[in-house]
Full PDB file with SEQRES, HELIX, SHEET, SSBOND, CRYST1, ORIGX, SCALE, CONECT and MASTER records, all heavy atoms in Angstrom:
SEQRES   1 A   37  THR THR ILE ALA ASP PHE SER ALA LYS THR PRO ASN GLU          
SEQRES   2 A   37  THR ASP TRP TYR TYR LEU LYS GLY THR ILE THR LYS ILE          
SEQRES   3 A   37  ASP ASN THR GLU TYR GLY ASN LEU THR ILE GLU                  
HELIX    1 AA1 ILE A    3  PHE A    6  1                                   4    
SHEET    1 AA1 2 ILE A  23  ASN A  28  0                                        
SHEET    2 AA1 2 ASN A  33  ILE A  36 -1                                        
CRYST1    1.000    1.000    1.000  90.00  90.00  90.00 P 1           1          
ORIGX1      1.000000  0.000000  0.000000        0.00000                         
ORIGX2      0.000000  1.000000  0.000000        0.00000                         
ORIGX3      0.000000  0.000000  1.000000        0.00000                         
SCALE1      1.000000  0.000000  0.000000        0.00000                         
SCALE2      0.000000  1.000000  0.000000        0.00000                         
SCALE3      0.000000  0.000000  1.000000        0.00000                         
ATOM      1  N   THR A   1      40.021  13.329   0.102  1.00  0.00           N  
ATOM      2  CA  THR A   1      40.001  14.156   1.218  1.00  0.00           C  
ATOM      3  C   THR A   1      39.775  13.142   2.472  1.00  0.00           C  
ATOM      4  O   THR A   1      38.864  12.314   2.350  1.00  0.00           O  
ATOM      5  CB  THR A   1      38.775  15.118   1.175  1.00  0.00           C  
ATOM      6  OG1 THR A   1      38.898  16.117   0.184  1.00  0.00           O  
ATOM      7  CG2 THR A   1      38.581  15.894   2.531  1.00  0.00           C  
ATOM      8  N   THR A   2      40.586  13.353   3.376  1.00  0.00           N  
ATOM      9  CA  THR A   2      40.409  12.437   4.592  1.00  0.00           C  
ATOM     10  C   THR A   2      39.159  12.744   5.253  1.00  0.00           C  
ATOM     11  O   THR A   2      38.474  13.801   5.277  1.00  0.00           O  
ATOM     12  CB  THR A   2      41.626  12.676   5.597  1.00  0.00           C  
ATOM     13  OG1 THR A   2      41.500  13.862   6.263  1.00  0.00           O  
ATOM     14  CG2 THR A   2      42.897  12.516   4.814  1.00  0.00           C  
ATOM     15  N   ILE A   3      38.602  11.719   5.929  1.00  0.00           N  
ATOM     16  CA  ILE A   3      37.281  11.789   6.633  1.00  0.00           C  
ATOM     17  C   ILE A   3      37.301  12.933   7.817  1.00  0.00           C  
ATOM     18  O   ILE A   3      36.391  13.707   7.909  1.00  0.00           O  
ATOM     19  CB  ILE A   3      36.858  10.463   7.188  1.00  0.00           C  
ATOM     20  CG1 ILE A   3      36.446   9.483   6.020  1.00  0.00           C  
ATOM     21  CG2 ILE A   3      35.672  10.629   8.249  1.00  0.00           C  
ATOM     22  CD1 ILE A   3      35.968   8.291   6.440  1.00  0.00           C  
ATOM     23  N   ALA A   4      38.411  12.984   8.437  1.00  0.00           N  
ATOM     24  CA  ALA A   4      38.720  13.997   9.417  1.00  0.00           C  
ATOM     25  C   ALA A   4      38.526  15.405   8.836  1.00  0.00           C  
ATOM     26  O   ALA A   4      37.952  16.298   9.281  1.00  0.00           O  
ATOM     27  CB  ALA A   4      39.925  13.886  10.151  1.00  0.00           C  
ATOM     28  N   ASP A   5      39.322  15.728   7.642  1.00  0.00           N  
ATOM     29  CA  ASP A   5      39.263  16.920   7.046  1.00  0.00           C  
ATOM     30  C   ASP A   5      37.830  17.219   6.424  1.00  0.00           C  
ATOM     31  O   ASP A   5      37.361  18.326   6.489  1.00  0.00           O  
ATOM     32  CB  ASP A   5      40.218  17.049   5.810  1.00  0.00           C  
ATOM     33  CG  ASP A   5      41.690  17.010   6.321  1.00  0.00           C  
ATOM     34  OD1 ASP A   5      41.835  17.372   7.575  1.00  0.00           O  
ATOM     35  OD2 ASP A   5      42.613  16.753   5.567  1.00  0.00           O  
ATOM     36  N   PHE A   6      37.110  16.228   5.853  1.00  0.00           N  
ATOM     37  CA  PHE A   6      35.797  16.379   5.301  1.00  0.00           C  
ATOM     38  C   PHE A   6      34.823  16.791   6.503  1.00  0.00           C  
ATOM     39  O   PHE A   6      33.972  17.697   6.309  1.00  0.00           O  
ATOM     40  CB  PHE A   6      35.381  15.080   4.863  1.00  0.00           C  
ATOM     41  CG  PHE A   6      33.936  15.029   4.257  1.00  0.00           C  
ATOM     42  CD1 PHE A   6      33.569  15.650   3.022  1.00  0.00           C  
ATOM     43  CD2 PHE A   6      32.850  14.602   5.032  1.00  0.00           C  
ATOM     44  CE1 PHE A   6      32.377  15.693   2.556  1.00  0.00           C  
ATOM     45  CE2 PHE A   6      31.599  14.708   4.521  1.00  0.00           C  
ATOM     46  CZ  PHE A   6      31.396  15.239   3.248  1.00  0.00           C  
ATOM     47  N   SER A   7      35.082  16.163   7.715  1.00  0.00           N  
ATOM     48  CA  SER A   7      34.038  16.487   8.791  1.00  0.00           C  
ATOM     49  C   SER A   7      34.429  17.927   9.239  1.00  0.00           C  
ATOM     50  O   SER A   7      33.509  18.426   9.918  1.00  0.00           O  
ATOM     51  CB  SER A   7      34.408  15.676  10.028  1.00  0.00           C  
ATOM     52  OG  SER A   7      34.095  14.204   9.604  1.00  0.00           O  
ATOM     53  N   ALA A   8      35.327  18.567   8.956  1.00  0.00           N  
ATOM     54  CA  ALA A   8      35.595  20.011   9.418  1.00  0.00           C  
ATOM     55  C   ALA A   8      35.175  20.925   8.372  1.00  0.00           C  
ATOM     56  O   ALA A   8      35.211  22.175   8.552  1.00  0.00           O  
ATOM     57  CB  ALA A   8      37.218  20.106   9.594  1.00  0.00           C  
ATOM     58  N   LYS A   9      34.646  20.452   7.178  1.00  0.00           N  
ATOM     59  CA  LYS A   9      34.129  21.397   6.115  1.00  0.00           C  
ATOM     60  C   LYS A   9      32.864  22.010   6.524  1.00  0.00           C  
ATOM     61  O   LYS A   9      32.094  21.478   7.300  1.00  0.00           O  
ATOM     62  CB  LYS A   9      33.967  20.709   4.830  1.00  0.00           C  
ATOM     63  CG  LYS A   9      35.258  20.020   4.361  1.00  0.00           C  
ATOM     64  CD  LYS A   9      36.300  20.949   3.886  1.00  0.00           C  
ATOM     65  CE  LYS A   9      37.477  20.189   3.268  1.00  0.00           C  
ATOM     66  NZ  LYS A   9      38.623  21.100   2.967  1.00  0.00           N  
ATOM     67  N   THR A  10      32.595  23.154   5.819  1.00  0.00           N  
ATOM     68  CA  THR A  10      31.321  23.904   6.075  1.00  0.00           C  
ATOM     69  C   THR A  10      30.275  23.190   5.126  1.00  0.00           C  
ATOM     70  O   THR A  10      30.446  23.119   3.937  1.00  0.00           O  
ATOM     71  CB  THR A  10      31.363  25.259   5.861  1.00  0.00           C  
ATOM     72  OG1 THR A  10      32.341  25.843   6.812  1.00  0.00           O  
ATOM     73  CG2 THR A  10      30.034  25.980   6.067  1.00  0.00           C  
ATOM     74  N   PRO A  11      29.057  22.743   5.642  1.00  0.00           N  
ATOM     75  CA  PRO A  11      28.106  22.160   4.782  1.00  0.00           C  
ATOM     76  C   PRO A  11      27.597  23.072   3.649  1.00  0.00           C  
ATOM     77  O   PRO A  11      27.281  24.281   3.978  1.00  0.00           O  
ATOM     78  CB  PRO A  11      26.864  21.747   5.805  1.00  0.00           C  
ATOM     79  CG  PRO A  11      27.616  21.665   7.095  1.00  0.00           C  
ATOM     80  CD  PRO A  11      28.661  22.661   7.056  1.00  0.00           C  
ATOM     81  N   ASN A  12      27.561  22.592   2.404  1.00  0.00           N  
ATOM     82  CA  ASN A  12      26.960  23.406   1.353  1.00  0.00           C  
ATOM     83  C   ASN A  12      26.669  22.434   0.215  1.00  0.00           C  
ATOM     84  O   ASN A  12      27.056  21.230   0.240  1.00  0.00           O  
ATOM     85  CB  ASN A  12      27.870  24.511   0.900  1.00  0.00           C  
ATOM     86  CG  ASN A  12      29.116  24.022   0.324  1.00  0.00           C  
ATOM     87  OD1 ASN A  12      29.151  23.557  -0.865  1.00  0.00           O  
ATOM     88  ND2 ASN A  12      30.188  24.164   1.052  1.00  0.00           N  
ATOM     89  N   GLU A  13      25.846  22.931  -0.757  1.00  0.00           N  
ATOM     90  CA  GLU A  13      25.494  22.031  -1.921  1.00  0.00           C  
ATOM     91  C   GLU A  13      26.240  22.185  -3.060  1.00  0.00           C  
ATOM     92  O   GLU A  13      25.838  21.666  -4.227  1.00  0.00           O  
ATOM     93  CB  GLU A  13      24.058  22.228  -2.163  1.00  0.00           C  
ATOM     94  CG  GLU A  13      23.155  21.834  -0.919  1.00  0.00           C  
ATOM     95  CD  GLU A  13      21.646  21.970  -1.207  1.00  0.00           C  
ATOM     96  OE1 GLU A  13      21.234  22.591  -2.480  1.00  0.00           O  
ATOM     97  OE2 GLU A  13      20.851  21.437  -0.515  1.00  0.00           O  
ATOM     98  N   THR A  14      27.430  22.911  -3.148  1.00  0.00           N  
ATOM     99  CA  THR A  14      28.226  23.212  -4.309  1.00  0.00           C  
ATOM    100  C   THR A  14      29.552  22.645  -4.310  1.00  0.00           C  
ATOM    101  O   THR A  14      30.045  22.226  -5.353  1.00  0.00           O  
ATOM    102  CB  THR A  14      28.308  24.792  -4.496  1.00  0.00           C  
ATOM    103  OG1 THR A  14      28.940  25.332  -3.316  1.00  0.00           O  
ATOM    104  CG2 THR A  14      26.896  25.456  -4.691  1.00  0.00           C  
ATOM    105  N   ASP A  15      30.025  22.430  -3.144  1.00  0.00           N  
ATOM    106  CA  ASP A  15      31.502  21.824  -3.180  1.00  0.00           C  
ATOM    107  C   ASP A  15      31.363  20.263  -2.965  1.00  0.00           C  
ATOM    108  O   ASP A  15      30.723  19.769  -2.140  1.00  0.00           O  
ATOM    109  CB  ASP A  15      32.278  22.346  -1.951  1.00  0.00           C  
ATOM    110  CG  ASP A  15      32.503  23.811  -2.104  1.00  0.00           C  
ATOM    111  OD1 ASP A  15      32.651  24.333  -3.171  1.00  0.00           O  
ATOM    112  OD2 ASP A  15      32.512  24.504  -1.032  1.00  0.00           O  
ATOM    113  N   TRP A  16      32.113  19.567  -3.965  1.00  0.00           N  
ATOM    114  CA  TRP A  16      32.163  18.125  -3.850  1.00  0.00           C  
ATOM    115  C   TRP A  16      33.568  17.551  -3.487  1.00  0.00           C  
ATOM    116  O   TRP A  16      34.491  18.241  -3.808  1.00  0.00           O  
ATOM    117  CB  TRP A  16      31.794  17.535  -5.341  1.00  0.00           C  
ATOM    118  CG  TRP A  16      30.330  17.897  -5.667  1.00  0.00           C  
ATOM    119  CD1 TRP A  16      29.873  19.015  -6.117  1.00  0.00           C  
ATOM    120  CD2 TRP A  16      29.363  16.872  -5.779  1.00  0.00           C  
ATOM    121  NE1 TRP A  16      28.556  18.930  -6.374  1.00  0.00           N  
ATOM    122  CE2 TRP A  16      28.124  17.549  -6.093  1.00  0.00           C  
ATOM    123  CE3 TRP A  16      29.259  15.542  -5.446  1.00  0.00           C  
ATOM    124  CZ2 TRP A  16      26.912  16.925  -6.359  1.00  0.00           C  
ATOM    125  CZ3 TRP A  16      28.056  14.889  -5.561  1.00  0.00           C  
ATOM    126  CH2 TRP A  16      26.944  15.554  -6.109  1.00  0.00           C  
ATOM    127  N   TYR A  17      33.508  16.470  -2.740  1.00  0.00           N  
ATOM    128  CA  TYR A  17      34.791  15.888  -2.259  1.00  0.00           C  
ATOM    129  C   TYR A  17      34.768  14.464  -2.542  1.00  0.00           C  
ATOM    130  O   TYR A  17      33.848  13.716  -2.365  1.00  0.00           O  
ATOM    131  CB  TYR A  17      34.883  16.164  -0.804  1.00  0.00           C  
ATOM    132  CG  TYR A  17      34.718  17.571  -0.359  1.00  0.00           C  
ATOM    133  CD1 TYR A  17      33.500  18.169   0.104  1.00  0.00           C  
ATOM    134  CD2 TYR A  17      35.873  18.442  -0.249  1.00  0.00           C  
ATOM    135  CE1 TYR A  17      33.341  19.474   0.409  1.00  0.00           C  
ATOM    136  CE2 TYR A  17      35.819  19.784   0.056  1.00  0.00           C  
ATOM    137  CZ  TYR A  17      34.517  20.211   0.402  1.00  0.00           C  
ATOM    138  OH  TYR A  17      34.435  21.604   0.843  1.00  0.00           O  
ATOM    139  N   TYR A  18      36.031  13.900  -2.725  1.00  0.00           N  
ATOM    140  CA  TYR A  18      36.149  12.551  -3.033  1.00  0.00           C  
ATOM    141  C   TYR A  18      36.717  11.978  -1.662  1.00  0.00           C  
ATOM    142  O   TYR A  18      37.606  12.496  -1.010  1.00  0.00           O  
ATOM    143  CB  TYR A  18      37.338  12.336  -4.051  1.00  0.00           C  
ATOM    144  CG  TYR A  18      36.903  12.596  -5.399  1.00  0.00           C  
ATOM    145  CD1 TYR A  18      37.351  13.783  -6.095  1.00  0.00           C  
ATOM    146  CD2 TYR A  18      36.037  11.795  -6.168  1.00  0.00           C  
ATOM    147  CE1 TYR A  18      36.891  14.061  -7.408  1.00  0.00           C  
ATOM    148  CE2 TYR A  18      35.621  11.943  -7.387  1.00  0.00           C  
ATOM    149  CZ  TYR A  18      36.060  13.236  -8.070  1.00  0.00           C  
ATOM    150  OH  TYR A  18      35.685  13.582  -9.249  1.00  0.00           O  
ATOM    151  N   LEU A  19      36.098  10.980  -1.245  1.00  0.00           N  
ATOM    152  CA  LEU A  19      36.377  10.087   0.024  1.00  0.00           C  
ATOM    153  C   LEU A  19      36.648   8.670  -0.321  1.00  0.00           C  
ATOM    154  O   LEU A  19      35.974   8.102  -1.190  1.00  0.00           O  
ATOM    155  CB  LEU A  19      35.145  10.123   0.975  1.00  0.00           C  
ATOM    156  CG  LEU A  19      34.600  11.701   1.370  1.00  0.00           C  
ATOM    157  CD1 LEU A  19      33.286  11.573   2.180  1.00  0.00           C  
ATOM    158  CD2 LEU A  19      35.673  12.489   2.100  1.00  0.00           C  
ATOM    159  N   LYS A  20      37.579   8.159   0.465  1.00  0.00           N  
ATOM    160  CA  LYS A  20      37.811   6.705   0.362  1.00  0.00           C  
ATOM    161  C   LYS A  20      37.974   6.089   1.708  1.00  0.00           C  
ATOM    162  O   LYS A  20      38.620   6.588   2.569  1.00  0.00           O  
ATOM    163  CB  LYS A  20      39.338   6.595  -0.274  1.00  0.00           C  
ATOM    164  CG  LYS A  20      39.526   5.170  -0.605  1.00  0.00           C  
ATOM    165  CD  LYS A  20      40.991   5.127  -1.321  1.00  0.00           C  
ATOM    166  CE  LYS A  20      41.449   3.589  -1.556  1.00  0.00           C  
ATOM    167  NZ  LYS A  20      42.837   3.437  -2.232  1.00  0.00           N  
ATOM    168  N   GLY A  21      37.207   5.024   1.843  1.00  0.00           N  
ATOM    169  CA  GLY A  21      37.238   4.230   3.117  1.00  0.00           C  
ATOM    170  C   GLY A  21      36.677   2.942   3.042  1.00  0.00           C  
ATOM    171  O   GLY A  21      36.086   2.524   2.114  1.00  0.00           O  
ATOM    172  N   THR A  22      36.692   2.224   4.044  1.00  0.00           N  
ATOM    173  CA  THR A  22      36.274   0.819   4.176  1.00  0.00           C  
ATOM    174  C   THR A  22      34.690   0.952   4.727  1.00  0.00           C  
ATOM    175  O   THR A  22      34.414   1.713   5.649  1.00  0.00           O  
ATOM    176  CB  THR A  22      37.066   0.036   5.133  1.00  0.00           C  
ATOM    177  OG1 THR A  22      38.376   0.024   4.859  1.00  0.00           O  
ATOM    178  CG2 THR A  22      36.375  -1.362   5.306  1.00  0.00           C  
ATOM    179  N   ILE A  23      33.888   0.209   3.978  1.00  0.00           N  
ATOM    180  CA  ILE A  23      32.431   0.237   4.460  1.00  0.00           C  
ATOM    181  C   ILE A  23      32.347  -0.727   5.714  1.00  0.00           C  
ATOM    182  O   ILE A  23      32.756  -1.874   5.646  1.00  0.00           O  
ATOM    183  CB  ILE A  23      31.507  -0.439   3.306  1.00  0.00           C  
ATOM    184  CG1 ILE A  23      31.638   0.375   2.096  1.00  0.00           C  
ATOM    185  CG2 ILE A  23      30.156  -0.596   3.725  1.00  0.00           C  
ATOM    186  CD1 ILE A  23      30.926  -0.130   0.933  1.00  0.00           C  
ATOM    187  N   THR A  24      31.900   0.005   6.724  1.00  0.00           N  
ATOM    188  CA  THR A  24      31.816  -0.726   8.039  1.00  0.00           C  
ATOM    189  C   THR A  24      30.406  -1.110   8.383  1.00  0.00           C  
ATOM    190  O   THR A  24      29.967  -1.981   9.180  1.00  0.00           O  
ATOM    191  CB  THR A  24      32.324   0.081   9.089  1.00  0.00           C  
ATOM    192  OG1 THR A  24      31.591   1.370   9.230  1.00  0.00           O  
ATOM    193  CG2 THR A  24      33.864   0.446   8.887  1.00  0.00           C  
ATOM    194  N   LYS A  25      29.398  -0.429   7.753  1.00  0.00           N  
ATOM    195  CA  LYS A  25      27.875  -0.765   7.969  1.00  0.00           C  
ATOM    196  C   LYS A  25      27.113  -0.269   6.783  1.00  0.00           C  
ATOM    197  O   LYS A  25      27.354   0.755   6.202  1.00  0.00           O  
ATOM    198  CB  LYS A  25      27.560  -0.026   9.246  1.00  0.00           C  
ATOM    199  CG  LYS A  25      26.099  -0.304   9.716  1.00  0.00           C  
ATOM    200  CD  LYS A  25      25.927   0.339  11.100  1.00  0.00           C  
ATOM    201  CE  LYS A  25      24.524  -0.086  11.692  1.00  0.00           C  
ATOM    202  NZ  LYS A  25      24.242   0.790  13.013  1.00  0.00           N  
ATOM    203  N   ILE A  26      26.121  -0.929   6.394  1.00  0.00           N  
ATOM    204  CA  ILE A  26      25.199  -0.631   5.396  1.00  0.00           C  
ATOM    205  C   ILE A  26      23.731  -0.659   6.187  1.00  0.00           C  
ATOM    206  O   ILE A  26      23.302  -1.776   6.436  1.00  0.00           O  
ATOM    207  CB  ILE A  26      25.205  -1.640   4.140  1.00  0.00           C  
ATOM    208  CG1 ILE A  26      26.471  -1.605   3.502  1.00  0.00           C  
ATOM    209  CG2 ILE A  26      24.039  -1.271   3.213  1.00  0.00           C  
ATOM    210  CD1 ILE A  26      26.744  -2.487   2.307  1.00  0.00           C  
ATOM    211  N   ASP A  27      23.166   0.579   6.252  1.00  0.00           N  
ATOM    212  CA  ASP A  27      21.917   0.708   6.939  1.00  0.00           C  
ATOM    213  C   ASP A  27      20.696   0.500   5.953  1.00  0.00           C  
ATOM    214  O   ASP A  27      19.614   0.027   6.531  1.00  0.00           O  
ATOM    215  CB  ASP A  27      21.850   1.964   7.626  1.00  0.00           C  
ATOM    216  CG  ASP A  27      22.898   2.248   8.706  1.00  0.00           C  
ATOM    217  OD1 ASP A  27      22.853   1.405   9.658  1.00  0.00           O  
ATOM    218  OD2 ASP A  27      23.719   3.123   8.590  1.00  0.00           O  
ATOM    219  N   ASN A  28      20.801   0.757   4.842  1.00  0.00           N  
ATOM    220  CA  ASN A  28      19.606   0.790   3.774  1.00  0.00           C  
ATOM    221  C   ASN A  28      20.215   0.429   2.473  1.00  0.00           C  
ATOM    222  O   ASN A  28      20.973   1.177   1.897  1.00  0.00           O  
ATOM    223  CB  ASN A  28      19.030   2.100   3.886  1.00  0.00           C  
ATOM    224  CG  ASN A  28      17.711   2.121   3.135  1.00  0.00           C  
ATOM    225  OD1 ASN A  28      17.673   1.973   1.897  1.00  0.00           O  
ATOM    226  ND2 ASN A  28      16.511   2.292   3.710  1.00  0.00           N  
ATOM    227  N   THR A  29      19.790  -0.776   2.024  1.00  0.00           N  
ATOM    228  CA  THR A  29      20.199  -1.200   0.678  1.00  0.00           C  
ATOM    229  C   THR A  29      19.479  -0.581  -0.463  1.00  0.00           C  
ATOM    230  O   THR A  29      19.806  -0.860  -1.668  1.00  0.00           O  
ATOM    231  CB  THR A  29      20.203  -2.669   0.671  1.00  0.00           C  
ATOM    232  OG1 THR A  29      18.813  -3.149   0.875  1.00  0.00           O  
ATOM    233  CG2 THR A  29      21.085  -3.430   1.620  1.00  0.00           C  
ATOM    234  N   GLU A  30      18.238   0.029  -0.250  1.00  0.00           N  
ATOM    235  CA  GLU A  30      17.551   0.636  -1.287  1.00  0.00           C  
ATOM    236  C   GLU A  30      18.096   1.957  -1.670  1.00  0.00           C  
ATOM    237  O   GLU A  30      18.246   2.331  -2.768  1.00  0.00           O  
ATOM    238  CB  GLU A  30      16.070   0.823  -0.823  1.00  0.00           C  
ATOM    239  CG  GLU A  30      15.164   1.493  -2.009  1.00  0.00           C  
ATOM    240  CD  GLU A  30      13.700   1.564  -1.560  1.00  0.00           C  
ATOM    241  OE1 GLU A  30      13.492   1.386  -0.262  1.00  0.00           O  
ATOM    242  OE2 GLU A  30      12.801   1.921  -2.364  1.00  0.00           O  
ATOM    243  N   TYR A  31      18.341   2.891  -0.686  1.00  0.00           N  
ATOM    244  CA  TYR A  31      18.957   4.198  -0.931  1.00  0.00           C  
ATOM    245  C   TYR A  31      20.422   4.343  -0.853  1.00  0.00           C  
ATOM    246  O   TYR A  31      20.991   5.223  -1.283  1.00  0.00           O  
ATOM    247  CB  TYR A  31      18.298   5.098   0.041  1.00  0.00           C  
ATOM    248  CG  TYR A  31      16.905   5.520  -0.273  1.00  0.00           C  
ATOM    249  CD1 TYR A  31      15.843   4.755   0.383  1.00  0.00           C  
ATOM    250  CD2 TYR A  31      16.530   6.374  -1.229  1.00  0.00           C  
ATOM    251  CE1 TYR A  31      14.534   5.093   0.111  1.00  0.00           C  
ATOM    252  CE2 TYR A  31      15.084   6.607  -1.482  1.00  0.00           C  
ATOM    253  CZ  TYR A  31      14.067   6.062  -0.810  1.00  0.00           C  
ATOM    254  OH  TYR A  31      12.825   6.192  -0.978  1.00  0.00           O  
ATOM    255  N   GLY A  32      21.078   3.258  -0.211  1.00  0.00           N  
ATOM    256  CA  GLY A  32      22.477   3.211  -0.057  1.00  0.00           C  
ATOM    257  C   GLY A  32      23.002   4.055   1.019  1.00  0.00           C  
ATOM    258  O   GLY A  32      24.011   4.763   0.983  1.00  0.00           O  
ATOM    259  N   ASN A  33      22.261   3.947   2.230  1.00  0.00           N  
ATOM    260  CA  ASN A  33      22.781   4.654   3.420  1.00  0.00           C  
ATOM    261  C   ASN A  33      23.893   3.781   4.118  1.00  0.00           C  
ATOM    262  O   ASN A  33      23.515   2.562   4.414  1.00  0.00           O  
ATOM    263  CB  ASN A  33      21.604   4.943   4.359  1.00  0.00           C  
ATOM    264  CG  ASN A  33      20.688   5.814   3.758  1.00  0.00           C  
ATOM    265  OD1 ASN A  33      20.884   6.602   2.880  1.00  0.00           O  
ATOM    266  ND2 ASN A  33      19.383   5.858   4.279  1.00  0.00           N  
ATOM    267  N   LEU A  34      25.006   4.243   4.372  1.00  0.00           N  
ATOM    268  CA  LEU A  34      26.009   3.395   4.884  1.00  0.00           C  
ATOM    269  C   LEU A  34      26.950   4.245   5.669  1.00  0.00           C  
ATOM    270  O   LEU A  34      26.899   5.527   5.766  1.00  0.00           O  
ATOM    271  CB  LEU A  34      26.767   2.613   3.859  1.00  0.00           C  
ATOM    272  CG  LEU A  34      27.229   3.478   2.613  1.00  0.00           C  
ATOM    273  CD1 LEU A  34      28.598   4.049   2.748  1.00  0.00           C  
ATOM    274  CD2 LEU A  34      27.181   2.558   1.312  1.00  0.00           C  
ATOM    275  N   THR A  35      28.138   3.548   6.275  1.00  0.00           N  
ATOM    276  CA  THR A  35      29.192   4.154   6.973  1.00  0.00           C  
ATOM    277  C   THR A  35      30.480   3.735   6.410  1.00  0.00           C  
ATOM    278  O   THR A  35      30.683   2.626   6.069  1.00  0.00           O  
ATOM    279  CB  THR A  35      29.119   3.972   8.549  1.00  0.00           C  
ATOM    280  OG1 THR A  35      27.819   4.298   8.994  1.00  0.00           O  
ATOM    281  CG2 THR A  35      30.180   4.609   9.121  1.00  0.00           C  
ATOM    282  N   ILE A  36      31.398   4.759   6.217  1.00  0.00           N  
ATOM    283  CA  ILE A  36      32.842   4.290   5.785  1.00  0.00           C  
ATOM    284  C   ILE A  36      33.595   4.888   6.862  1.00  0.00           C  
ATOM    285  O   ILE A  36      33.397   5.840   7.525  1.00  0.00           O  
ATOM    286  CB  ILE A  36      33.144   4.880   4.347  1.00  0.00           C  
ATOM    287  CG1 ILE A  36      33.051   6.425   4.372  1.00  0.00           C  
ATOM    288  CG2 ILE A  36      32.108   4.252   3.326  1.00  0.00           C  
ATOM    289  CD1 ILE A  36      33.587   6.864   3.111  1.00  0.00           C  
ATOM    290  N   GLU A  37      34.832   4.289   6.914  1.00  0.00           N  
ATOM    291  CA  GLU A  37      35.854   4.913   7.732  1.00  0.00           C  
ATOM    292  C   GLU A  37      37.299   4.779   7.041  1.00  0.00           C  
ATOM    293  O   GLU A  37      37.545   3.847   6.351  1.00  0.00           O  
ATOM    294  CB  GLU A  37      35.866   4.133   9.128  1.00  0.00           C  
ATOM    295  CG  GLU A  37      36.279   2.792   9.129  1.00  0.00           C  
ATOM    296  CD  GLU A  37      36.289   2.100  10.440  1.00  0.00           C  
ATOM    297  OE1 GLU A  37      35.459   2.600  11.419  1.00  0.00           O  
ATOM    298  OE2 GLU A  37      37.047   1.174  10.629  1.00  0.00           O  
TER     299      GLU A  37                                                      
MASTER        0    0    0    1    2    0    0    6  298    1    0    3          
END                                                                             
């Protein structure tokens, strides 16, 4: 799923999506908070 299409989804805890992108920033190495594009 493209990031643009993912951003248009309705938030919920049941639907899972595959995303692929380049890691541009890693904010937290313990929990793995990061940004992809």
